[in-house]
Amino acid sequence: MSAPNAVQRKACWDARDLLWNCLDVNNDQAPACEKFQKDFEAMCPAQWVKHFDKRRDFLKYKEKLEKDGFQLTKVEEQQ
């Protein structure tokens, strides 16, 4: 597969942004954003979809840590 050109990259990023916005508005309820998910998968190379999905998970995890702070587990507290 050849690398996406500038127009294809922008279309992919726009589709990703629309999906992420929908997920944010709908508290990550995927069924509410099914159309955006399909558009995202159609516009982006599969490897990019995988990367962006992992990126969103990481950003959500990071946001939660910054908001709630780090909590030691019981196992870590006992050491």
C-alpha atoms as a PDB file:
ATOM      1  CA  MET A   1       0.000   0.000   0.000  1.00  0.00           C
ATOM      2  CA  SER A   2       1.339   3.417  -0.867  1.00  0.00           C
ATOM      3  CA  ALA A   3       1.448   6.213   1.662  1.00  0.00           C
ATOM      4  CA  PRO A   4      -1.620   8.474   1.729  1.00  0.00           C
ATOM      5  CA  ASN A   5      -1.209  11.836   0.040  1.00  0.00           C
ATOM      6  CA  ALA A   6      -1.982  15.145   1.777  1.00  0.00           C
ATOM      7  CA  VAL A   7      -5.659  15.121   0.804  1.00  0.00           C
ATOM      8  CA  GLN A   8      -6.118  11.531   2.017  1.00  0.00           C
ATOM      9  CA  ARG A   9      -4.305  12.267   5.286  1.00  0.00           C
ATOM     10  CA  LYS A  10      -6.531  15.291   5.948  1.00  0.00           C
ATOM     11  CA  ALA A  11      -9.650  13.241   5.203  1.00  0.00           C
ATOM     12  CA  CYS A  12      -8.447  10.571   7.636  1.00  0.00           C
ATOM     13  CA  TRP A  13      -7.651  13.072  10.386  1.00  0.00           C
ATOM     14  CA  ASP A  14     -10.987  14.820   9.893  1.00  0.00           C
ATOM     15  CA  ALA A  15     -12.818  11.476  10.145  1.00  0.00           C
ATOM     16  CA  ARG A  16     -10.836  10.647  13.303  1.00  0.00           C
ATOM     17  CA  ASP A  17     -11.672  14.025  14.844  1.00  0.00           C
ATOM     18  CA  LEU A  18     -15.385  13.604  14.097  1.00  0.00           C
ATOM     19  CA  LEU A  19     -15.369  10.130  15.671  1.00  0.00           C
ATOM     20  CA  TRP A  20     -13.474  11.272  18.757  1.00  0.00           C
ATOM     21  CA  ASN A  21     -15.799  14.235  19.177  1.00  0.00           C
ATOM     22  CA  CYS A  22     -18.835  11.949  18.929  1.00  0.00           C
ATOM     23  CA  LEU A  23     -17.331   9.564  21.498  1.00  0.00           C
ATOM     24  CA  ASP A  24     -16.597  12.467  23.854  1.00  0.00           C
ATOM     25  CA  VAL A  25     -20.147  13.810  23.561  1.00  0.00           C
ATOM     26  CA  ASN A  26     -21.674  10.336  24.023  1.00  0.00           C
ATOM     27  CA  ASN A  27     -19.465   9.154  26.916  1.00  0.00           C
ATOM     28  CA  ASP A  28     -17.625   6.656  24.714  1.00  0.00           C
ATOM     29  CA  GLN A  29     -20.842   4.855  23.738  1.00  0.00           C
ATOM     30  CA  ALA A  30     -19.719   3.289  20.458  1.00  0.00           C
ATOM     31  CA  PRO A  31     -23.219   2.455  19.107  1.00  0.00           C
ATOM     32  CA  ALA A  32     -24.085   6.158  19.042  1.00  0.00           C
ATOM     33  CA  CYS A  33     -21.036   6.817  16.851  1.00  0.00           C
ATOM     34  CA  GLU A  34     -21.242   3.839  14.499  1.00  0.00           C
ATOM     35  CA  LYS A  35     -21.516   5.989  11.358  1.00  0.00           C
ATOM     36  CA  PHE A  36     -18.427   7.983  12.351  1.00  0.00           C
ATOM     37  CA  GLN A  37     -16.554   4.747  13.127  1.00  0.00           C
ATOM     38  CA  LYS A  38     -17.344   3.341   9.684  1.00  0.00           C
ATOM     39  CA  ASP A  39     -16.281   6.586   7.992  1.00  0.00           C
ATOM     40  CA  PHE A  40     -13.050   6.627  10.009  1.00  0.00           C
ATOM     41  CA  GLU A  41     -12.230   3.037   9.056  1.00  0.00           C
ATOM     42  CA  ALA A  42     -13.042   3.741   5.390  1.00  0.00           C
ATOM     43  CA  MET A  43     -10.905   6.903   5.210  1.00  0.00           C
ATOM     44  CA  CYS A  44      -7.820   5.687   7.088  1.00  0.00           C
ATOM     45  CA  PRO A  45      -5.358   2.853   6.502  1.00  0.00           C
ATOM     46  CA  ALA A  46      -5.989  -0.038   8.920  1.00  0.00           C
ATOM     47  CA  GLN A  47      -2.631   0.501  10.607  1.00  0.00           C
ATOM     48  CA  TRP A  48      -3.556   4.142  11.277  1.00  0.00           C
ATOM     49  CA  VAL A  49      -6.927   3.117  12.721  1.00  0.00           C
ATOM     50  CA  LYS A  50      -5.147   0.792  15.126  1.00  0.00           C
ATOM     51  CA  HIS A  51      -2.648   3.527  16.060  1.00  0.00           C
ATOM     52  CA  PHE A  52      -5.329   6.183  16.600  1.00  0.00           C
ATOM     53  CA  ASP A  53      -7.437   3.793  18.713  1.00  0.00           C
ATOM     54  CA  LYS A  54      -4.441   3.125  20.971  1.00  0.00           C
ATOM     55  CA  ARG A  55      -3.650   6.849  21.044  1.00  0.00           C
ATOM     56  CA  ARG A  56      -7.173   7.691  22.220  1.00  0.00           C
ATOM     57  CA  ASP A  57      -6.990   5.036  24.939  1.00  0.00           C
ATOM     58  CA  PHE A  58      -3.662   6.461  26.119  1.00  0.00           C
ATOM     59  CA  LEU A  59      -4.937  10.049  26.113  1.00  0.00           C
ATOM     60  CA  LYS A  60      -8.036   9.043  28.096  1.00  0.00           C
ATOM     61  CA  TYR A  61      -5.858   7.140  30.600  1.00  0.00           C
ATOM     62  CA  LYS A  62      -3.496  10.119  30.921  1.00  0.00           C
ATOM     63  CA  GLU A  63      -6.452  12.482  31.429  1.00  0.00           C
ATOM     64  CA  LYS A  64      -7.834  10.216  34.160  1.00  0.00           C
ATOM     65  CA  LEU A  65      -4.459  10.076  35.942  1.00  0.00           C
ATOM     66  CA  GLU A  66      -4.122  13.855  35.817  1.00  0.00           C
ATOM     67  CA  LYS A  67      -7.664  14.308  37.122  1.00  0.00           C
ATOM     68  CA  ASP A  68      -7.806  11.582  39.778  1.00  0.00           C
ATOM     69  CA  GLY A  69      -4.143  11.186  40.627  1.00  0.00           C
ATOM     70  CA  PHE A  70      -2.140   8.023  40.985  1.00  0.00           C
ATOM     71  CA  GLN A  71      -3.376   5.410  43.442  1.00  0.00           C
ATOM     72  CA  LEU A  72      -1.190   2.566  44.697  1.00  0.00           C
ATOM     73  CA  THR A  73      -2.718  -0.903  44.596  1.00  0.00           C
ATOM     74  CA  LYS A  74      -2.797  -2.985  47.784  1.00  0.00           C
ATOM     75  CA  VAL A  75       0.052  -5.154  46.471  1.00  0.00           C
ATOM     76  CA  GLU A  76       2.237  -2.075  45.878  1.00  0.00           C
ATOM     77  CA  GLU A  77       1.389  -0.676  49.322  1.00  0.00           C
ATOM     78  CA  GLN A  78       2.521  -3.915  51.023  1.00  0.00           C
ATOM     79  CA  GLN A  79       5.985  -3.879  49.431  1.00  0.00           C
END
